Structure formats: C-alpha cells, structure tokens
N, C-alpha and C. Protein backbone atom coordinates (compact mmCIF):
# COMPACT_ATOMS: atom_id res chain seq x y z
N MET A 1 0.84 -1.18 0.00
CA MET A 1 0.00 0.00 0.00
C MET A 1 0.89 1.25 0.00
N ALA A 2 0.55 2.21 -0.83
CA ALA A 2 1.32 3.45 -0.91
C ALA A 2 1.09 4.30 0.33
N LYS A 3 2.15 4.97 0.74
CA LYS A 3 2.04 5.86 1.89
C LYS A 3 1.40 7.18 1.47
N SER A 4 0.62 7.75 2.37
CA SER A 4 0.04 9.07 2.09
C SER A 4 1.03 10.15 2.50
N MET A 5 1.09 11.19 1.68
CA MET A 5 2.01 12.30 1.91
C MET A 5 1.22 13.59 1.96
N ALA A 6 1.40 14.37 3.03
CA ALA A 6 0.70 15.65 3.18
C ALA A 6 1.71 16.79 3.22
N ILE A 7 1.35 17.87 2.56
CA ILE A 7 2.13 19.10 2.67
C ILE A 7 1.37 20.00 3.63
N ALA A 8 2.07 20.47 4.67
CA ALA A 8 1.51 21.42 5.62
C ALA A 8 2.10 22.79 5.28
N LEU A 9 1.28 23.63 4.66
CA LEU A 9 1.74 24.93 4.19
C LEU A 9 1.59 25.97 5.30
N PHE A 10 2.71 26.49 5.75
CA PHE A 10 2.71 27.53 6.78
C PHE A 10 2.62 28.89 6.10
N THR A 11 1.80 29.77 6.67
CA THR A 11 1.69 31.14 6.15
C THR A 11 1.97 32.11 7.29
N ARG A 12 0.96 32.46 8.07
CA ARG A 12 1.15 33.40 9.18
C ARG A 12 1.47 32.70 10.50
N ASP A 13 0.92 31.56 10.70
CA ASP A 13 0.97 30.87 11.99
C ASP A 13 2.23 30.01 12.06
N LEU A 14 3.35 30.61 12.43
CA LEU A 14 4.64 29.92 12.39
C LEU A 14 4.98 29.30 13.74
N ARG A 15 4.11 28.43 14.20
CA ARG A 15 4.35 27.74 15.46
C ARG A 15 4.00 26.26 15.29
N VAL A 16 4.57 25.45 16.13
CA VAL A 16 4.29 24.01 16.09
C VAL A 16 3.18 23.67 17.07
N HIS A 17 3.27 24.23 18.27
CA HIS A 17 2.30 23.91 19.32
C HIS A 17 0.90 24.32 18.90
N ASP A 18 -0.05 23.40 18.97
CA ASP A 18 -1.46 23.68 18.72
C ASP A 18 -1.70 24.29 17.34
N ASN A 19 -0.98 23.80 16.33
CA ASN A 19 -1.11 24.34 14.98
C ASN A 19 -2.19 23.59 14.22
N PRO A 20 -3.22 24.30 13.74
CA PRO A 20 -4.32 23.61 13.05
C PRO A 20 -3.90 22.93 11.74
N VAL A 21 -2.92 23.47 11.06
CA VAL A 21 -2.46 22.87 9.81
C VAL A 21 -1.79 21.52 10.09
N LEU A 22 -0.93 21.49 11.09
CA LEU A 22 -0.28 20.22 11.45
C LEU A 22 -1.31 19.21 11.95
N SER A 23 -2.28 19.69 12.71
CA SER A 23 -3.33 18.78 13.19
C SER A 23 -4.12 18.19 12.03
N ALA A 24 -4.44 19.03 11.05
CA ALA A 24 -5.21 18.55 9.89
C ALA A 24 -4.41 17.54 9.07
N ALA A 25 -3.10 17.73 9.01
CA ALA A 25 -2.24 16.84 8.21
C ALA A 25 -1.85 15.57 8.96
N ALA A 26 -2.15 15.50 10.24
CA ALA A 26 -1.67 14.41 11.10
C ALA A 26 -2.12 13.02 10.66
N GLY A 27 -3.17 12.93 9.87
CA GLY A 27 -3.63 11.62 9.42
C GLY A 27 -2.78 11.00 8.32
N ALA A 28 -1.90 11.78 7.73
CA ALA A 28 -1.04 11.26 6.66
C ALA A 28 0.11 10.45 7.25
N ASP A 29 0.64 9.55 6.44
CA ASP A 29 1.79 8.76 6.88
C ASP A 29 3.03 9.63 7.03
N GLU A 30 3.15 10.64 6.17
CA GLU A 30 4.30 11.55 6.23
C GLU A 30 3.82 12.97 5.98
N ILE A 31 4.39 13.91 6.74
CA ILE A 31 4.05 15.33 6.61
C ILE A 31 5.31 16.10 6.21
N VAL A 32 5.18 16.93 5.18
CA VAL A 32 6.28 17.79 4.76
C VAL A 32 5.85 19.24 5.02
N PRO A 33 6.47 19.90 6.01
CA PRO A 33 6.14 21.28 6.29
C PRO A 33 6.78 22.20 5.23
N LEU A 34 6.01 23.19 4.77
CA LEU A 34 6.47 24.08 3.71
C LEU A 34 6.18 25.53 4.05
N PHE A 35 7.15 26.40 3.79
CA PHE A 35 6.93 27.84 3.83
C PHE A 35 7.44 28.40 2.52
N VAL A 36 6.64 29.27 1.90
CA VAL A 36 7.04 29.88 0.64
C VAL A 36 7.25 31.37 0.87
N LEU A 37 8.47 31.82 0.56
CA LEU A 37 8.74 33.26 0.56
C LEU A 37 8.09 33.80 -0.69
N ASP A 38 6.89 34.30 -0.52
CA ASP A 38 6.02 34.68 -1.63
C ASP A 38 6.52 35.95 -2.32
N SER A 39 6.85 35.82 -3.59
CA SER A 39 7.35 36.96 -4.35
C SER A 39 6.29 38.05 -4.52
N ALA A 40 5.03 37.75 -4.26
CA ALA A 40 3.96 38.73 -4.39
C ALA A 40 3.82 39.61 -3.14
N ILE A 41 4.53 39.28 -2.09
CA ILE A 41 4.44 40.05 -0.85
C ILE A 41 5.70 40.88 -0.69
N ALA A 42 5.57 42.18 -0.85
CA ALA A 42 6.72 43.09 -0.81
C ALA A 42 7.32 43.22 0.59
N GLY A 43 6.57 42.93 1.63
CA GLY A 43 7.06 43.08 3.00
C GLY A 43 8.30 42.28 3.32
N PHE A 44 8.55 41.21 2.57
CA PHE A 44 9.73 40.40 2.83
C PHE A 44 11.02 41.17 2.53
N ALA A 45 10.93 42.23 1.74
CA ALA A 45 12.12 42.99 1.36
C ALA A 45 12.51 44.03 2.42
N VAL A 46 11.63 44.33 3.37
CA VAL A 46 11.92 45.30 4.42
C VAL A 46 12.87 44.63 5.43
N PRO A 47 14.05 45.23 5.69
CA PRO A 47 15.06 44.56 6.53
C PRO A 47 14.56 44.06 7.89
N ASN A 48 13.84 44.87 8.63
CA ASN A 48 13.38 44.42 9.95
C ASN A 48 12.41 43.25 9.84
N ARG A 49 11.51 43.31 8.89
CA ARG A 49 10.55 42.21 8.69
C ARG A 49 11.27 40.96 8.22
N ALA A 50 12.21 41.14 7.31
CA ALA A 50 12.96 39.99 6.79
C ALA A 50 13.75 39.30 7.91
N HIS A 51 14.35 40.08 8.79
CA HIS A 51 15.11 39.52 9.90
C HIS A 51 14.19 38.78 10.88
N PHE A 52 13.05 39.40 11.19
CA PHE A 52 12.08 38.76 12.08
C PHE A 52 11.57 37.46 11.47
N LEU A 53 11.26 37.49 10.19
CA LEU A 53 10.77 36.28 9.52
C LEU A 53 11.84 35.19 9.53
N ALA A 54 13.09 35.57 9.25
CA ALA A 54 14.18 34.58 9.25
C ALA A 54 14.31 33.93 10.63
N ASP A 55 14.26 34.73 11.68
CA ASP A 55 14.33 34.18 13.05
C ASP A 55 13.14 33.26 13.33
N SER A 56 11.96 33.68 12.88
CA SER A 56 10.76 32.87 13.10
C SER A 56 10.84 31.53 12.37
N LEU A 57 11.39 31.54 11.17
CA LEU A 57 11.53 30.29 10.40
C LEU A 57 12.56 29.37 11.04
N VAL A 58 13.62 29.94 11.60
CA VAL A 58 14.62 29.12 12.32
C VAL A 58 13.95 28.46 13.53
N ASP A 59 13.17 29.24 14.28
CA ASP A 59 12.47 28.68 15.44
C ASP A 59 11.47 27.60 15.02
N LEU A 60 10.73 27.86 13.94
CA LEU A 60 9.77 26.88 13.44
C LEU A 60 10.48 25.59 13.03
N ASP A 61 11.58 25.71 12.31
CA ASP A 61 12.33 24.54 11.89
C ASP A 61 12.84 23.74 13.09
N ALA A 62 13.28 24.44 14.13
CA ALA A 62 13.75 23.75 15.34
C ALA A 62 12.60 22.99 16.00
N GLY A 63 11.43 23.62 16.08
CA GLY A 63 10.28 22.94 16.66
C GLY A 63 9.86 21.73 15.84
N LEU A 64 9.89 21.88 14.53
CA LEU A 64 9.57 20.75 13.66
C LEU A 64 10.62 19.65 13.78
N GLY A 65 11.86 20.05 13.95
CA GLY A 65 12.95 19.08 14.13
C GLY A 65 12.72 18.22 15.36
N ASP A 66 12.18 18.81 16.41
CA ASP A 66 11.86 18.04 17.62
C ASP A 66 10.83 16.95 17.33
N LEU A 67 10.05 17.16 16.26
CA LEU A 67 9.04 16.18 15.86
C LEU A 67 9.53 15.25 14.75
N GLY A 68 10.79 15.44 14.34
CA GLY A 68 11.35 14.60 13.30
C GLY A 68 11.14 15.10 11.89
N ALA A 69 10.77 16.37 11.74
CA ALA A 69 10.51 16.93 10.41
C ALA A 69 11.47 18.08 10.14
N LYS A 70 11.60 18.44 8.88
CA LYS A 70 12.45 19.56 8.48
C LYS A 70 11.62 20.49 7.61
N LEU A 71 11.70 21.79 7.91
CA LEU A 71 10.96 22.78 7.15
C LEU A 71 11.57 22.95 5.77
N VAL A 72 10.73 22.86 4.75
CA VAL A 72 11.14 23.14 3.37
C VAL A 72 10.79 24.59 3.10
N VAL A 73 11.76 25.38 2.63
CA VAL A 73 11.53 26.78 2.30
C VAL A 73 11.76 26.96 0.81
N ARG A 74 10.77 27.52 0.15
CA ARG A 74 10.86 27.79 -1.29
C ARG A 74 10.64 29.28 -1.51
N HIS A 75 11.07 29.76 -2.67
CA HIS A 75 10.89 31.16 -3.06
C HIS A 75 10.04 31.21 -4.32
N GLY A 76 9.13 32.16 -4.40
CA GLY A 76 8.32 32.33 -5.61
C GLY A 76 6.85 32.49 -5.28
N ARG A 77 6.02 32.15 -6.24
CA ARG A 77 4.57 32.22 -6.06
C ARG A 77 4.10 30.98 -5.32
N VAL A 78 3.24 31.18 -4.35
CA VAL A 78 2.83 30.08 -3.47
C VAL A 78 2.20 28.93 -4.24
N VAL A 79 1.23 29.21 -5.09
CA VAL A 79 0.53 28.13 -5.78
C VAL A 79 1.50 27.32 -6.64
N GLU A 80 2.36 27.98 -7.36
CA GLU A 80 3.31 27.27 -8.21
C GLU A 80 4.28 26.43 -7.39
N GLN A 81 4.73 26.97 -6.25
CA GLN A 81 5.67 26.22 -5.41
C GLN A 81 5.00 25.02 -4.75
N VAL A 82 3.76 25.17 -4.32
CA VAL A 82 3.02 24.05 -3.73
C VAL A 82 2.81 22.96 -4.79
N ARG A 83 2.39 23.38 -5.97
CA ARG A 83 2.17 22.41 -7.05
C ARG A 83 3.46 21.66 -7.38
N ALA A 84 4.57 22.38 -7.45
CA ALA A 84 5.85 21.74 -7.78
C ALA A 84 6.27 20.74 -6.71
N LEU A 85 6.18 21.14 -5.45
CA LEU A 85 6.58 20.23 -4.38
C LEU A 85 5.65 19.03 -4.30
N ALA A 86 4.36 19.26 -4.46
CA ALA A 86 3.41 18.15 -4.43
C ALA A 86 3.70 17.15 -5.55
N ALA A 87 4.05 17.65 -6.72
CA ALA A 87 4.39 16.75 -7.82
C ALA A 87 5.68 15.99 -7.52
N GLU A 88 6.68 16.68 -6.97
CA GLU A 88 7.95 16.03 -6.64
C GLU A 88 7.76 14.91 -5.63
N LEU A 89 6.89 15.14 -4.65
CA LEU A 89 6.70 14.20 -3.55
C LEU A 89 5.56 13.21 -3.79
N ASP A 90 4.79 13.43 -4.85
CA ASP A 90 3.57 12.67 -5.10
C ASP A 90 2.62 12.81 -3.90
N ALA A 91 2.50 14.06 -3.41
CA ALA A 91 1.66 14.34 -2.25
C ALA A 91 0.19 14.11 -2.57
N THR A 92 -0.52 13.65 -1.58
CA THR A 92 -1.95 13.39 -1.74
C THR A 92 -2.81 14.42 -1.02
N GLU A 93 -2.19 15.26 -0.19
CA GLU A 93 -2.92 16.27 0.57
C GLU A 93 -2.09 17.53 0.67
N VAL A 94 -2.78 18.67 0.67
CA VAL A 94 -2.17 19.96 0.97
C VAL A 94 -3.06 20.64 2.00
N HIS A 95 -2.46 21.10 3.08
CA HIS A 95 -3.22 21.76 4.14
C HIS A 95 -2.68 23.16 4.35
N ILE A 96 -3.60 24.13 4.48
CA ILE A 96 -3.25 25.52 4.72
C ILE A 96 -4.28 26.09 5.69
N ALA A 97 -3.82 26.95 6.58
CA ALA A 97 -4.74 27.58 7.54
C ALA A 97 -5.58 28.63 6.83
N ALA A 98 -6.83 28.72 7.24
CA ALA A 98 -7.70 29.76 6.70
C ALA A 98 -7.18 31.12 7.14
N ASP A 99 -7.37 32.12 6.32
CA ASP A 99 -6.87 33.47 6.60
C ASP A 99 -7.92 34.46 6.11
N VAL A 100 -7.91 35.66 6.67
CA VAL A 100 -8.97 36.61 6.36
C VAL A 100 -8.57 37.71 5.38
N SER A 101 -7.28 37.91 5.13
CA SER A 101 -6.89 39.01 4.23
C SER A 101 -7.34 38.69 2.80
N ALA A 102 -7.54 39.74 2.02
CA ALA A 102 -7.99 39.56 0.63
C ALA A 102 -6.98 38.74 -0.16
N TYR A 103 -5.69 39.04 0.02
CA TYR A 103 -4.67 38.28 -0.71
C TYR A 103 -4.70 36.81 -0.31
N ALA A 104 -4.80 36.55 0.99
CA ALA A 104 -4.84 35.16 1.46
C ALA A 104 -6.06 34.42 0.92
N GLN A 105 -7.19 35.10 0.86
CA GLN A 105 -8.40 34.48 0.31
C GLN A 105 -8.19 34.10 -1.15
N ARG A 106 -7.58 34.99 -1.93
CA ARG A 106 -7.31 34.68 -3.35
C ARG A 106 -6.31 33.52 -3.46
N ARG A 107 -5.30 33.51 -2.61
CA ARG A 107 -4.30 32.43 -2.61
C ARG A 107 -4.96 31.10 -2.29
N GLN A 108 -5.81 31.09 -1.27
CA GLN A 108 -6.50 29.86 -0.88
C GLN A 108 -7.41 29.37 -2.00
N GLN A 109 -8.15 30.27 -2.62
CA GLN A 109 -9.03 29.87 -3.73
C GLN A 109 -8.21 29.31 -4.89
N ALA A 110 -7.08 29.93 -5.18
CA ALA A 110 -6.21 29.44 -6.26
C ALA A 110 -5.65 28.06 -5.92
N LEU A 111 -5.30 27.84 -4.66
CA LEU A 111 -4.80 26.52 -4.26
C LEU A 111 -5.88 25.46 -4.42
N VAL A 112 -7.08 25.78 -4.01
CA VAL A 112 -8.17 24.80 -4.14
C VAL A 112 -8.43 24.50 -5.62
N ARG A 113 -8.46 25.56 -6.46
CA ARG A 113 -8.72 25.36 -7.90
C ARG A 113 -7.58 24.61 -8.58
N ARG A 114 -6.35 24.92 -8.21
CA ARG A 114 -5.21 24.39 -8.95
C ARG A 114 -4.41 23.37 -8.15
N CYS A 115 -5.02 22.83 -7.12
CA CYS A 115 -4.33 21.83 -6.31
C CYS A 115 -3.86 20.70 -7.21
N PRO A 116 -2.61 20.30 -7.06
CA PRO A 116 -2.07 19.28 -7.96
C PRO A 116 -2.80 17.95 -7.85
N ARG A 117 -2.87 17.28 -8.92
CA ARG A 117 -3.50 15.97 -8.96
C ARG A 117 -2.42 14.89 -9.03
N THR A 118 -2.54 13.92 -8.16
CA THR A 118 -1.61 12.80 -8.16
C THR A 118 -2.36 11.61 -8.74
N ALA A 119 -1.83 10.42 -8.54
CA ALA A 119 -2.48 9.22 -9.08
C ALA A 119 -3.94 9.13 -8.59
N ASP A 120 -4.18 9.46 -7.36
CA ASP A 120 -5.54 9.48 -6.84
C ASP A 120 -6.09 10.89 -6.99
N SER A 121 -5.84 11.72 -6.01
CA SER A 121 -6.18 13.14 -6.09
C SER A 121 -5.51 13.83 -4.91
N CYS A 122 -5.45 15.11 -5.00
CA CYS A 122 -4.84 15.89 -3.94
C CYS A 122 -5.89 16.79 -3.34
N ALA A 123 -6.14 16.60 -2.07
CA ALA A 123 -7.15 17.41 -1.38
C ALA A 123 -6.48 18.61 -0.75
N CYS A 124 -7.02 19.77 -0.97
CA CYS A 124 -6.52 21.00 -0.35
C CYS A 124 -7.55 21.42 0.69
N THR A 125 -7.16 21.37 1.96
CA THR A 125 -8.10 21.70 3.02
C THR A 125 -7.63 22.90 3.81
N MET A 126 -8.58 23.60 4.40
CA MET A 126 -8.28 24.75 5.24
C MET A 126 -8.95 24.57 6.59
N PRO A 127 -8.19 24.06 7.58
CA PRO A 127 -8.80 23.82 8.91
C PRO A 127 -9.20 25.11 9.59
C-alpha cells in the first residue's frame, strides 16, 4: 500500500504547538512542512521584517525538528511552489490555515482550484 504524503503549508501561523495545519495533516503517513517566501508580498524585502521572519523560520524549523521533520523553504509564487513540491513528492494532501486578508483568500481559492493531482487526487483543506 502506498504511503500518504501531506504538505503542511505555513503562512502566518509559524508555530508548532497547537497548529491547526499540522493537526489537519496528522492523518497522513508523512508530513512535509512548507513555507514559501512569496514573491507577491513586498514586505519580505523590508530589513526588519525579513530579519524577524528569518528568526521565526529558524524557530519553526527547530520545533519541527523536535518532531522529526524539516521545514522546506521555497521562493516564488505560493501556488506554483506548492504544485511543484506536491508533484515532486507525489503528495496526496495539501493543508493551509484559513486566513482573512484579501490576498490570502485569493491564494487559498487558487490553491483549491489548482491543487495538484496525483495518481488518486490531492485534497486541499483549510482547517
């Protein structure tokens, strides 16, 4: 039997403890945590924000390491990066936390519409 693979896409909520995305992905045999430095978000270029984000990602990776996982960090457009990683891993699930900003809503809708298809299918859920 093939193992199920889930991508847990981190956006704003960069914590391990009580994380709804990790909880939603927990049913998979393997979870790959992903953060995409989204080229559509200009805030990443501001030095103070970039430094804070880098520190937060280091902390997140350390917390994930305690659980036996390693954070994958990609650069570019979120939907394209999720699709590429899902295809590379033959992922069957993609999980992302619901968000209220207009940009996040468009990103989530695009992920649901363009969620990669594997041999079975790839479900994109928002806990």
